[in-house]
């Protein structure tokens, strides 16, 4: 715990566990949201992206245009996002039980 406080630039023992949990939740939430948003953006810009991919990797462009491939990307992004939300809720409950 003290090592994490030092990494964040605080003196040893000066950061409460709730603050560290808040840092972790914000960092992970931003990361998950960005990944999910990129998957949605990828789906929305499918025609442009497939043209761009045709120049970079023509063999992948054919597979990319298939609807199943895009649906798979969005499904994985949604599963990951909601799995993360569940993880944060469980982590918060364990944190609360341990320190209160």
C-alpha atoms as a PDB file:
ATOM      1  CA  UNK A   1       0.000   0.000   0.000  1.00  0.00           C
ATOM      2  CA  UNK A   2       2.810   2.404   0.889  1.00  0.00           C
ATOM      3  CA  UNK A   3       4.599   1.585  -2.370  1.00  0.00           C
ATOM      4  CA  UNK A   4       1.532   2.622  -4.344  1.00  0.00           C
ATOM      5  CA  UNK A   5       1.338   5.863  -2.348  1.00  0.00           C
ATOM      6  CA  UNK A   6       4.949   6.619  -3.269  1.00  0.00           C
ATOM      7  CA  UNK A   7       4.295   5.887  -6.949  1.00  0.00           C
ATOM      8  CA  UNK A   8       1.415   8.374  -6.876  1.00  0.00           C
ATOM      9  CA  UNK A   9       3.733  10.998  -5.352  1.00  0.00           C
ATOM     10  CA  UNK A  10       2.396  10.978  -1.788  1.00  0.00           C
ATOM     11  CA  UNK A  11       4.366  10.341   1.412  1.00  0.00           C
ATOM     12  CA  UNK A  12       4.185   6.810   2.790  1.00  0.00           C
ATOM     13  CA  UNK A  13       0.900   6.020   4.480  1.00  0.00           C
ATOM     14  CA  UNK A  14      -0.749   9.321   3.597  1.00  0.00           C
ATOM     15  CA  UNK A  15      -3.177   7.940   1.023  1.00  0.00           C
ATOM     16  CA  UNK A  16      -6.285   6.176   2.279  1.00  0.00           C
ATOM     17  CA  UNK A  17      -7.309   2.876   0.658  1.00  0.00           C
ATOM     18  CA  UNK A  18     -10.506   4.504  -0.648  1.00  0.00           C
ATOM     19  CA  UNK A  19      -8.435   7.036  -2.593  1.00  0.00           C
ATOM     20  CA  UNK A  20      -6.327   4.290  -4.138  1.00  0.00           C
ATOM     21  CA  UNK A  21      -9.491   2.448  -5.131  1.00  0.00           C
ATOM     22  CA  UNK A  22     -10.796   5.647  -6.718  1.00  0.00           C
ATOM     23  CA  UNK A  23      -7.552   6.024  -8.720  1.00  0.00           C
ATOM     24  CA  UNK A  24      -7.839   2.420  -9.914  1.00  0.00           C
ATOM     25  CA  UNK A  25     -11.519   2.726 -10.838  1.00  0.00           C
ATOM     26  CA  UNK A  26     -10.972   5.933 -12.808  1.00  0.00           C
ATOM     27  CA  UNK A  27      -7.949   4.553 -14.667  1.00  0.00           C
ATOM     28  CA  UNK A  28      -9.677   1.302 -15.563  1.00  0.00           C
ATOM     29  CA  UNK A  29     -12.944   3.035 -16.474  1.00  0.00           C
ATOM     30  CA  UNK A  30     -11.203   5.382 -18.880  1.00  0.00           C
ATOM     31  CA  UNK A  31      -9.325   2.479 -20.426  1.00  0.00           C
ATOM     32  CA  UNK A  32     -12.465   0.393 -20.915  1.00  0.00           C
ATOM     33  CA  UNK A  33     -14.478   3.326 -22.260  1.00  0.00           C
ATOM     34  CA  UNK A  34     -11.777   4.145 -24.809  1.00  0.00           C
ATOM     35  CA  UNK A  35     -11.645   0.518 -25.985  1.00  0.00           C
ATOM     36  CA  UNK A  36     -15.430   0.320 -26.256  1.00  0.00           C
ATOM     37  CA  UNK A  37     -15.608   3.668 -28.065  1.00  0.00           C
ATOM     38  CA  UNK A  38     -12.965   2.538 -30.555  1.00  0.00           C
ATOM     39  CA  UNK A  39     -14.957  -0.602 -31.322  1.00  0.00           C
ATOM     40  CA  UNK A  40     -18.103   1.458 -31.927  1.00  0.00           C
ATOM     41  CA  UNK A  41     -16.151   3.949 -34.032  1.00  0.00           C
ATOM     42  CA  UNK A  42     -14.679   1.089 -36.018  1.00  0.00           C
ATOM     43  CA  UNK A  43     -18.190  -0.178 -36.746  1.00  0.00           C
ATOM     44  CA  UNK A  44     -19.455   3.311 -37.675  1.00  0.00           C
ATOM     45  CA  UNK A  45     -16.531   3.996 -40.015  1.00  0.00           C
ATOM     46  CA  UNK A  46     -16.615   0.576 -41.639  1.00  0.00           C
ATOM     47  CA  UNK A  47     -16.510   1.777 -45.264  1.00  0.00           C
ATOM     48  CA  UNK A  48     -13.634   4.185 -44.669  1.00  0.00           C
ATOM     49  CA  UNK A  49     -11.740   1.692 -42.535  1.00  0.00           C
ATOM     50  CA  UNK A  50     -12.089  -1.076 -45.092  1.00  0.00           C
ATOM     51  CA  UNK A  51     -10.741   1.210 -47.842  1.00  0.00           C
ATOM     52  CA  UNK A  52      -7.815   2.134 -45.617  1.00  0.00           C
ATOM     53  CA  UNK A  53      -7.174  -1.505 -44.794  1.00  0.00           C
ATOM     54  CA  UNK A  54      -7.287  -2.392 -48.498  1.00  0.00           C
ATOM     55  CA  UNK A  55      -4.205  -0.228 -48.968  1.00  0.00           C
ATOM     56  CA  UNK A  56      -2.432  -1.613 -45.909  1.00  0.00           C
ATOM     57  CA  UNK A  57      -3.408  -5.307 -45.941  1.00  0.00           C
ATOM     58  CA  UNK A  58      -5.658  -6.363 -48.836  1.00  0.00           C
ATOM     59  CA  UNK A  59      -6.052  -9.875 -47.420  1.00  0.00           C
ATOM     60  CA  UNK A  60      -7.551  -8.501 -44.190  1.00  0.00           C
ATOM     61  CA  UNK A  61      -9.835  -6.034 -45.965  1.00  0.00           C
ATOM     62  CA  UNK A  62     -11.958  -8.830 -47.442  1.00  0.00           C
ATOM     63  CA  UNK A  63     -12.511 -10.394 -44.014  1.00  0.00           C
ATOM     64  CA  UNK A  64     -13.133  -7.020 -42.406  1.00  0.00           C
ATOM     65  CA  UNK A  65     -16.065  -6.217 -44.686  1.00  0.00           C
ATOM     66  CA  UNK A  66     -17.984  -9.233 -43.435  1.00  0.00           C
ATOM     67  CA  UNK A  67     -20.724  -8.291 -40.986  1.00  0.00           C
ATOM     68  CA  UNK A  68     -19.926 -11.227 -38.691  1.00  0.00           C
ATOM     69  CA  UNK A  69     -16.438  -9.898 -38.066  1.00  0.00           C
ATOM     70  CA  UNK A  70     -17.742  -6.472 -36.974  1.00  0.00           C
ATOM     71  CA  UNK A  71     -20.454  -8.006 -34.806  1.00  0.00           C
ATOM     72  CA  UNK A  72     -17.825 -10.112 -33.096  1.00  0.00           C
ATOM     73  CA  UNK A  73     -15.723  -7.028 -32.312  1.00  0.00           C
ATOM     74  CA  UNK A  74     -18.705  -5.219 -30.772  1.00  0.00           C
ATOM     75  CA  UNK A  75     -19.806  -8.275 -28.793  1.00  0.00           C
ATOM     76  CA  UNK A  76     -16.331  -8.697 -27.323  1.00  0.00           C
ATOM     77  CA  UNK A  77     -16.166  -4.995 -26.454  1.00  0.00           C
ATOM     78  CA  UNK A  78     -19.552  -5.157 -24.701  1.00  0.00           C
ATOM     79  CA  UNK A  79     -18.707  -8.355 -22.820  1.00  0.00           C
ATOM     80  CA  UNK A  80     -15.427  -6.833 -21.679  1.00  0.00           C
ATOM     81  CA  UNK A  81     -17.098  -3.564 -20.624  1.00  0.00           C
ATOM     82  CA  UNK A  82     -19.874  -5.182 -18.579  1.00  0.00           C
ATOM     83  CA  UNK A  83     -17.434  -7.700 -17.118  1.00  0.00           C
ATOM     84  CA  UNK A  84     -15.305  -4.787 -15.971  1.00  0.00           C
ATOM     85  CA  UNK A  85     -18.301  -3.064 -14.369  1.00  0.00           C
ATOM     86  CA  UNK A  86     -19.082  -6.265 -12.475  1.00  0.00           C
ATOM     87  CA  UNK A  87     -15.430  -6.533 -11.399  1.00  0.00           C
ATOM     88  CA  UNK A  88     -15.396  -2.961 -10.066  1.00  0.00           C
ATOM     89  CA  UNK A  89     -18.614  -3.522  -8.099  1.00  0.00           C
ATOM     90  CA  UNK A  90     -17.234  -6.705  -6.522  1.00  0.00           C
ATOM     91  CA  UNK A  91     -13.903  -5.029  -5.781  1.00  0.00           C
ATOM     92  CA  UNK A  92     -15.695  -2.124  -4.129  1.00  0.00           C
ATOM     93  CA  UNK A  93     -17.754  -4.501  -1.990  1.00  0.00           C
ATOM     94  CA  UNK A  94     -14.649  -6.382  -0.854  1.00  0.00           C
ATOM     95  CA  UNK A  95     -12.853  -3.114  -0.136  1.00  0.00           C
ATOM     96  CA  UNK A  96     -15.813  -1.839   1.884  1.00  0.00           C
ATOM     97  CA  UNK A  97     -16.069  -5.081   3.871  1.00  0.00           C
ATOM     98  CA  UNK A  98     -12.355  -5.092   4.640  1.00  0.00           C
ATOM     99  CA  UNK A  99     -11.986  -1.485   5.786  1.00  0.00           C
ATOM    100  CA  UNK A 100     -15.386  -0.731   7.366  1.00  0.00           C
END
